[in-house]
Amino acid sequence: FVAVVLRGLDFVGALDLTIPRLVVGTLALM
């Protein structure tokens, strides 16, 4: 879920998809 959201934000140019953001987002959502 976090990967899809970050990919969408990266697509529109709002936020870059990076591994640390993916990890932090995943842990926060968990």
ModelCIF file with pLDDT and N, C-alpha, C, O atoms, coordinates in Angstrom:
data_MODEL
#
_entry.id   MODEL 
#
_entity.id                         1 
_entity.type                       polymer 
_entity.pdbx_number_of_molecules   1 
#
_entity_poly.entity_id                      1 
_entity_poly.type                           'polypeptide(L)' 
_entity_poly.nstd_linkage                   no 
_entity_poly.nstd_monomer                   no 
_entity_poly.pdbx_seq_one_letter_code       FVAVVLRGLDFVGALDLTIPRLVVGTLALM 
_entity_poly.pdbx_seq_one_letter_code_can   FVAVVLRGLDFVGALDLTIPRLVVGTLALM 
_entity_poly.pdbx_strand_id                 A 
#
loop_
_entity_poly_seq.entity_id 
_entity_poly_seq.num 
_entity_poly_seq.mon_id 
_entity_poly_seq.hetero 
1 1  PHE n 
1 2  VAL n 
1 3  ALA n 
1 4  VAL n 
1 5  VAL n 
1 6  LEU n 
1 7  ARG n 
1 8  GLY n 
1 9  LEU n 
1 10 ASP n 
1 11 PHE n 
1 12 VAL n 
1 13 GLY n 
1 14 ALA n 
1 15 LEU n 
1 16 ASP n 
1 17 LEU n 
1 18 THR n 
1 19 ILE n 
1 20 PRO n 
1 21 ARG n 
1 22 LEU n 
1 23 VAL n 
1 24 VAL n 
1 25 GLY n 
1 26 THR n 
1 27 LEU n 
1 28 ALA n 
1 29 LEU n 
1 30 MET n 
#
_struct_asym.id          A 
_struct_asym.entity_id   1 
#
loop_
_ma_qa_metric.id 
_ma_qa_metric.mode 
_ma_qa_metric.name 
_ma_qa_metric.software_group_id 
_ma_qa_metric.type 
1 global pLDDT . pLDDT 
2 local  pLDDT . pLDDT 
#
_ma_qa_metric_global.metric_id      1 
_ma_qa_metric_global.metric_value   95.80 
_ma_qa_metric_global.model_id       1 
_ma_qa_metric_global.ordinal_id     1 
#
loop_
_ma_qa_metric_local.label_asym_id 
_ma_qa_metric_local.label_comp_id 
_ma_qa_metric_local.label_seq_id 
_ma_qa_metric_local.metric_id 
_ma_qa_metric_local.metric_value 
_ma_qa_metric_local.model_id 
_ma_qa_metric_local.ordinal_id 
A PHE 1  2 97.00 1 1  
A VAL 2  2 97.00 1 2  
A ALA 3  2 97.00 1 3  
A VAL 4  2 97.00 1 4  
A VAL 5  2 97.00 1 5  
A LEU 6  2 96.00 1 6  
A ARG 7  2 97.00 1 7  
A GLY 8  2 96.00 1 8  
A LEU 9  2 96.00 1 9  
A ASP 10 2 95.00 1 10 
A PHE 11 2 96.00 1 11 
A VAL 12 2 97.00 1 12 
A GLY 13 2 93.00 1 13 
A ALA 14 2 94.00 1 14 
A LEU 15 2 93.00 1 15 
A ASP 16 2 92.00 1 16 
A LEU 17 2 91.00 1 17 
A THR 18 2 94.00 1 18 
A ILE 19 2 96.00 1 19 
A PRO 20 2 96.00 1 20 
A ARG 21 2 96.00 1 21 
A LEU 22 2 97.00 1 22 
A VAL 23 2 97.00 1 23 
A VAL 24 2 97.00 1 24 
A GLY 25 2 97.00 1 25 
A THR 26 2 97.00 1 26 
A LEU 27 2 97.00 1 27 
A ALA 28 2 97.00 1 28 
A LEU 29 2 97.00 1 29 
A MET 30 2 95.00 1 30 
#
loop_
_atom_site.group_PDB 
_atom_site.id 
_atom_site.type_symbol 
_atom_site.label_atom_id 
_atom_site.label_alt_id 
_atom_site.label_comp_id 
_atom_site.label_asym_id 
_atom_site.label_entity_id 
_atom_site.label_seq_id 
_atom_site.pdbx_PDB_ins_code 
_atom_site.Cartn_x 
_atom_site.Cartn_y 
_atom_site.Cartn_z 
_atom_site.occupancy 
_atom_site.B_iso_or_equiv 
_atom_site.pdbx_formal_charge 
_atom_site.auth_seq_id 
_atom_site.auth_comp_id 
_atom_site.auth_asym_id 
_atom_site.auth_atom_id 
_atom_site.pdbx_PDB_model_num 
ATOM 1   N N  . PHE A 1 1  ? 0.824  -1.207 0.000   1.00 97.00 ? 1  PHE A N  1 
ATOM 2   C CA . PHE A 1 1  ? 0.000  0.000  0.000   1.00 97.00 ? 1  PHE A CA 1 
ATOM 3   C C  . PHE A 1 1  ? 0.856  1.253  0.000   1.00 97.00 ? 1  PHE A C  1 
ATOM 4   O O  . PHE A 1 1  ? 0.600  2.181  -0.767  1.00 97.00 ? 1  PHE A O  1 
ATOM 5   N N  . VAL A 1 2  ? 1.869  1.288  0.854   1.00 97.00 ? 2  VAL A N  1 
ATOM 6   C CA . VAL A 1 2  ? 2.752  2.452  0.921   1.00 97.00 ? 2  VAL A CA 1 
ATOM 7   C C  . VAL A 1 2  ? 3.513  2.619  -0.392  1.00 97.00 ? 2  VAL A C  1 
ATOM 8   O O  . VAL A 1 2  ? 3.708  3.746  -0.849  1.00 97.00 ? 2  VAL A O  1 
ATOM 9   N N  . ALA A 1 3  ? 3.939  1.533  -0.996  1.00 97.00 ? 3  ALA A N  1 
ATOM 10  C CA . ALA A 1 3  ? 4.644  1.608  -2.279  1.00 97.00 ? 3  ALA A CA 1 
ATOM 11  C C  . ALA A 1 3  ? 3.747  2.197  -3.364  1.00 97.00 ? 3  ALA A C  1 
ATOM 12  O O  . ALA A 1 3  ? 4.201  3.014  -4.165  1.00 97.00 ? 3  ALA A O  1 
ATOM 13  N N  . VAL A 1 4  ? 2.489  1.794  -3.397  1.00 97.00 ? 4  VAL A N  1 
ATOM 14  C CA . VAL A 1 4  ? 1.552  2.330  -4.392  1.00 97.00 ? 4  VAL A CA 1 
ATOM 15  C C  . VAL A 1 4  ? 1.320  3.829  -4.158  1.00 97.00 ? 4  VAL A C  1 
ATOM 16  O O  . VAL A 1 4  ? 1.312  4.616  -5.105  1.00 97.00 ? 4  VAL A O  1 
ATOM 17  N N  . VAL A 1 5  ? 1.133  4.211  -2.907  1.00 97.00 ? 5  VAL A N  1 
ATOM 18  C CA . VAL A 1 5  ? 0.910  5.624  -2.596  1.00 97.00 ? 5  VAL A CA 1 
ATOM 19  C C  . VAL A 1 5  ? 2.147  6.454  -2.949  1.00 97.00 ? 5  VAL A C  1 
ATOM 20  O O  . VAL A 1 5  ? 2.028  7.508  -3.574  1.00 97.00 ? 5  VAL A O  1 
ATOM 21  N N  . LEU A 1 6  ? 3.327  5.986  -2.553  1.00 96.00 ? 6  LEU A N  1 
ATOM 22  C CA . LEU A 1 6  ? 4.549  6.721  -2.863  1.00 96.00 ? 6  LEU A CA 1 
ATOM 23  C C  . LEU A 1 6  ? 4.813  6.765  -4.361  1.00 96.00 ? 6  LEU A C  1 
ATOM 24  O O  . LEU A 1 6  ? 5.296  7.775  -4.875  1.00 96.00 ? 6  LEU A O  1 
ATOM 25  N N  . ARG A 1 7  ? 4.506  5.697  -5.058  1.00 97.00 ? 7  ARG A N  1 
ATOM 26  C CA . ARG A 1 7  ? 4.679  5.685  -6.518  1.00 97.00 ? 7  ARG A CA 1 
ATOM 27  C C  . ARG A 1 7  ? 3.757  6.712  -7.170  1.00 97.00 ? 7  ARG A C  1 
ATOM 28  O O  . ARG A 1 7  ? 4.157  7.409  -8.102  1.00 97.00 ? 7  ARG A O  1 
ATOM 29  N N  . GLY A 1 8  ? 2.542  6.802  -6.683  1.00 96.00 ? 8  GLY A N  1 
ATOM 30  C CA . GLY A 1 8  ? 1.615  7.804  -7.192  1.00 96.00 ? 8  GLY A CA 1 
ATOM 31  C C  . GLY A 1 8  ? 2.088  9.221  -6.914  1.00 96.00 ? 8  GLY A C  1 
ATOM 32  O O  . GLY A 1 8  ? 1.992  10.091 -7.780  1.00 96.00 ? 8  GLY A O  1 
ATOM 33  N N  . LEU A 1 9  ? 2.595  9.457  -5.716  1.00 96.00 ? 9  LEU A N  1 
ATOM 34  C CA . LEU A 1 9  ? 3.127  10.779 -5.382  1.00 96.00 ? 9  LEU A CA 1 
ATOM 35  C C  . LEU A 1 9  ? 4.372  11.098 -6.203  1.00 96.00 ? 9  LEU A C  1 
ATOM 36  O O  . LEU A 1 9  ? 4.583  12.248 -6.590  1.00 96.00 ? 9  LEU A O  1 
ATOM 37  N N  . ASP A 1 10 ? 5.190  10.093 -6.470  1.00 95.00 ? 10 ASP A N  1 
ATOM 38  C CA . ASP A 1 10 ? 6.359  10.289 -7.315  1.00 95.00 ? 10 ASP A CA 1 
ATOM 39  C C  . ASP A 1 10 ? 5.940  10.594 -8.752  1.00 95.00 ? 10 ASP A C  1 
ATOM 40  O O  . ASP A 1 10 ? 6.573  11.407 -9.425  1.00 95.00 ? 10 ASP A O  1 
ATOM 41  N N  . PHE A 1 11 ? 4.892  9.953  -9.215  1.00 96.00 ? 11 PHE A N  1 
ATOM 42  C CA . PHE A 1 11 ? 4.397  10.162 -10.578 1.00 96.00 ? 11 PHE A CA 1 
ATOM 43  C C  . PHE A 1 11 ? 3.919  11.592 -10.798 1.00 96.00 ? 11 PHE A C  1 
ATOM 44  O O  . PHE A 1 11 ? 4.172  12.183 -11.848 1.00 96.00 ? 11 PHE A O  1 
ATOM 45  N N  . VAL A 1 12 ? 3.229  12.144 -9.806  1.00 97.00 ? 12 VAL A N  1 
ATOM 46  C CA . VAL A 1 12 ? 2.729  13.513 -9.942  1.00 97.00 ? 12 VAL A CA 1 
ATOM 47  C C  . VAL A 1 12 ? 3.769  14.555 -9.540  1.00 97.00 ? 12 VAL A C  1 
ATOM 48  O O  . VAL A 1 12 ? 3.529  15.755 -9.678  1.00 97.00 ? 12 VAL A O  1 
ATOM 49  N N  . GLY A 1 13 ? 4.912  14.109 -9.047  1.00 93.00 ? 13 GLY A N  1 
ATOM 50  C CA . GLY A 1 13 ? 5.995  15.019 -8.700  1.00 93.00 ? 13 GLY A CA 1 
ATOM 51  C C  . GLY A 1 13 ? 5.902  15.637 -7.318  1.00 93.00 ? 13 GLY A C  1 
ATOM 52  O O  . GLY A 1 13 ? 6.605  16.603 -7.023  1.00 93.00 ? 13 GLY A O  1 
ATOM 53  N N  . ALA A 1 14 ? 5.050  15.097 -6.473  1.00 94.00 ? 14 ALA A N  1 
ATOM 54  C CA . ALA A 1 14 ? 4.877  15.653 -5.135  1.00 94.00 ? 14 ALA A CA 1 
ATOM 55  C C  . ALA A 1 14 ? 5.937  15.157 -4.146  1.00 94.00 ? 14 ALA A C  1 
ATOM 56  O O  . ALA A 1 14 ? 6.304  15.877 -3.218  1.00 94.00 ? 14 ALA A O  1 
ATOM 57  N N  . LEU A 1 15 ? 6.425  13.937 -4.341  1.00 93.00 ? 15 LEU A N  1 
ATOM 58  C CA . LEU A 1 15 ? 7.353  13.334 -3.389  1.00 93.00 ? 15 LEU A CA 1 
ATOM 59  C C  . LEU A 1 15 ? 8.128  12.234 -4.093  1.00 93.00 ? 15 LEU A C  1 
ATOM 60  O O  . LEU A 1 15 ? 7.559  11.477 -4.879  1.00 93.00 ? 15 LEU A O  1 
ATOM 61  N N  . ASP A 1 16 ? 9.411  12.140 -3.820  1.00 92.00 ? 16 ASP A N  1 
ATOM 62  C CA . ASP A 1 16 ? 10.225 11.089 -4.436  1.00 92.00 ? 16 ASP A CA 1 
ATOM 63  C C  . ASP A 1 16 ? 10.043 9.768  -3.703  1.00 92.00 ? 16 ASP A C  1 
ATOM 64  O O  . ASP A 1 16 ? 9.897  9.735  -2.481  1.00 92.00 ? 16 ASP A O  1 
ATOM 65  N N  . LEU A 1 17 ? 10.053 8.690  -4.460  1.00 91.00 ? 17 LEU A N  1 
ATOM 66  C CA . LEU A 1 17 ? 9.982  7.345  -3.897  1.00 91.00 ? 17 LEU A CA 1 
ATOM 67  C C  . LEU A 1 17 ? 11.391 6.900  -3.541  1.00 91.00 ? 17 LEU A C  1 
ATOM 68  O O  . LEU A 1 17 ? 12.225 6.682  -4.420  1.00 91.00 ? 17 LEU A O  1 
ATOM 69  N N  . THR A 1 18 ? 11.652 6.767  -2.234  1.00 94.00 ? 18 THR A N  1 
ATOM 70  C CA . THR A 1 18 ? 12.958 6.303  -1.762  1.00 94.00 ? 18 THR A CA 1 
ATOM 71  C C  . THR A 1 18 ? 12.746 5.148  -0.793  1.00 94.00 ? 18 THR A C  1 
ATOM 72  O O  . THR A 1 18 ? 11.669 4.989  -0.219  1.00 94.00 ? 18 THR A O  1 
ATOM 73  N N  . ILE A 1 19 ? 13.771 4.362  -0.625  1.00 96.00 ? 19 ILE A N  1 
ATOM 74  C CA . ILE A 1 19 ? 13.701 3.216  0.290   1.00 96.00 ? 19 ILE A CA 1 
ATOM 75  C C  . ILE A 1 19 ? 13.442 3.656  1.736   1.00 96.00 ? 19 ILE A C  1 
ATOM 76  O O  . ILE A 1 19 ? 12.592 3.062  2.400   1.00 96.00 ? 19 ILE A O  1 
ATOM 77  N N  . PRO A 1 20 ? 14.147 4.677  2.246   1.00 96.00 ? 20 PRO A N  1 
ATOM 78  C CA . PRO A 1 20 ? 13.843 5.087  3.634   1.00 96.00 ? 20 PRO A CA 1 
ATOM 79  C C  . PRO A 1 20 ? 12.396 5.534  3.832   1.00 96.00 ? 20 PRO A C  1 
ATOM 80  O O  . PRO A 1 20 ? 11.795 5.240  4.866   1.00 96.00 ? 20 PRO A O  1 
ATOM 81  N N  . ARG A 1 21 ? 11.835 6.235  2.858   1.00 96.00 ? 21 ARG A N  1 
ATOM 82  C CA . ARG A 1 21 ? 10.430 6.635  2.967   1.00 96.00 ? 21 ARG A CA 1 
ATOM 83  C C  . ARG A 1 21 ? 9.518  5.416  2.937   1.00 96.00 ? 21 ARG A C  1 
ATOM 84  O O  . ARG A 1 21 ? 8.519  5.366  3.654   1.00 96.00 ? 21 ARG A O  1 
ATOM 85  N N  . LEU A 1 22 ? 9.857  4.442  2.116   1.00 97.00 ? 22 LEU A N  1 
ATOM 86  C CA . LEU A 1 22 ? 9.073  3.218  2.054   1.00 97.00 ? 22 LEU A CA 1 
ATOM 87  C C  . LEU A 1 22 ? 9.113  2.474  3.386   1.00 97.00 ? 22 LEU A C  1 
ATOM 88  O O  . LEU A 1 22 ? 8.085  1.999  3.868   1.00 97.00 ? 22 LEU A O  1 
ATOM 89  N N  . VAL A 1 23 ? 10.288 2.376  3.972   1.00 97.00 ? 23 VAL A N  1 
ATOM 90  C CA . VAL A 1 23 ? 10.443 1.672  5.255   1.00 97.00 ? 23 VAL A CA 1 
ATOM 91  C C  . VAL A 1 23 ? 9.696  2.398  6.372   1.00 97.00 ? 23 VAL A C  1 
ATOM 92  O O  . VAL A 1 23 ? 8.965  1.775  7.141   1.00 97.00 ? 23 VAL A O  1 
ATOM 93  N N  . VAL A 1 24 ? 9.881  3.720  6.458   1.00 97.00 ? 24 VAL A N  1 
ATOM 94  C CA . VAL A 1 24 ? 9.215  4.492  7.516   1.00 97.00 ? 24 VAL A CA 1 
ATOM 95  C C  . VAL A 1 24 ? 7.703  4.452  7.330   1.00 97.00 ? 24 VAL A C  1 
ATOM 96  O O  . VAL A 1 24 ? 6.965  4.281  8.300   1.00 97.00 ? 24 VAL A O  1 
ATOM 97  N N  . GLY A 1 25 ? 7.244  4.605  6.111   1.00 97.00 ? 25 GLY A N  1 
ATOM 98  C CA . GLY A 1 25 ? 5.811  4.546  5.846   1.00 97.00 ? 25 GLY A CA 1 
ATOM 99  C C  . GLY A 1 25 ? 5.218  3.186  6.176   1.00 97.00 ? 25 GLY A C  1 
ATOM 100 O O  . GLY A 1 25 ? 4.125  3.096  6.735   1.00 97.00 ? 25 GLY A O  1 
ATOM 101 N N  . THR A 1 26 ? 5.941  2.132  5.828   1.00 97.00 ? 26 THR A N  1 
ATOM 102 C CA . THR A 1 26 ? 5.469  0.781  6.120   1.00 97.00 ? 26 THR A CA 1 
ATOM 103 C C  . THR A 1 26 ? 5.380  0.548  7.625   1.00 97.00 ? 26 THR A C  1 
ATOM 104 O O  . THR A 1 26 ? 4.383  0.019  8.117   1.00 97.00 ? 26 THR A O  1 
ATOM 105 N N  . LEU A 1 27 ? 6.411  0.939  8.347   1.00 97.00 ? 27 LEU A N  1 
ATOM 106 C CA . LEU A 1 27 ? 6.384  0.758  9.807   1.00 97.00 ? 27 LEU A CA 1 
ATOM 107 C C  . LEU A 1 27 ? 5.284  1.584  10.460  1.00 97.00 ? 27 LEU A C  1 
ATOM 108 O O  . LEU A 1 27 ? 4.623  1.122  11.390  1.00 97.00 ? 27 LEU A O  1 
ATOM 109 N N  . ALA A 1 28 ? 5.088  2.811  9.971   1.00 97.00 ? 28 ALA A N  1 
ATOM 110 C CA . ALA A 1 28 ? 4.031  3.660  10.520  1.00 97.00 ? 28 ALA A CA 1 
ATOM 111 C C  . ALA A 1 28 ? 2.655  3.052  10.258  1.00 97.00 ? 28 ALA A C  1 
ATOM 112 O O  . ALA A 1 28 ? 1.800  3.034  11.143  1.00 97.00 ? 28 ALA A O  1 
ATOM 113 N N  . LEU A 1 29 ? 2.448  2.558  9.047   1.00 97.00 ? 29 LEU A N  1 
ATOM 114 C CA . LEU A 1 29 ? 1.152  1.945  8.723   1.00 97.00 ? 29 LEU A CA 1 
ATOM 115 C C  . LEU A 1 29 ? 0.943  0.648  9.505   1.00 97.00 ? 29 LEU A C  1 
ATOM 116 O O  . LEU A 1 29 ? -0.173 0.355  9.934   1.00 97.00 ? 29 LEU A O  1 
ATOM 117 N N  . MET A 1 30 ? 2.004  -0.122 9.689   1.00 95.00 ? 30 MET A N  1 
ATOM 118 C CA . MET A 1 30 ? 1.889  -1.353 10.493  1.00 95.00 ? 30 MET A CA 1 
ATOM 119 C C  . MET A 1 30 ? 1.499  -1.015 11.928  1.00 95.00 ? 30 MET A C  1 
ATOM 120 O O  . MET A 1 30 ? 1.354  -1.913 12.757  1.00 95.00 ? 30 MET A O  1 
#
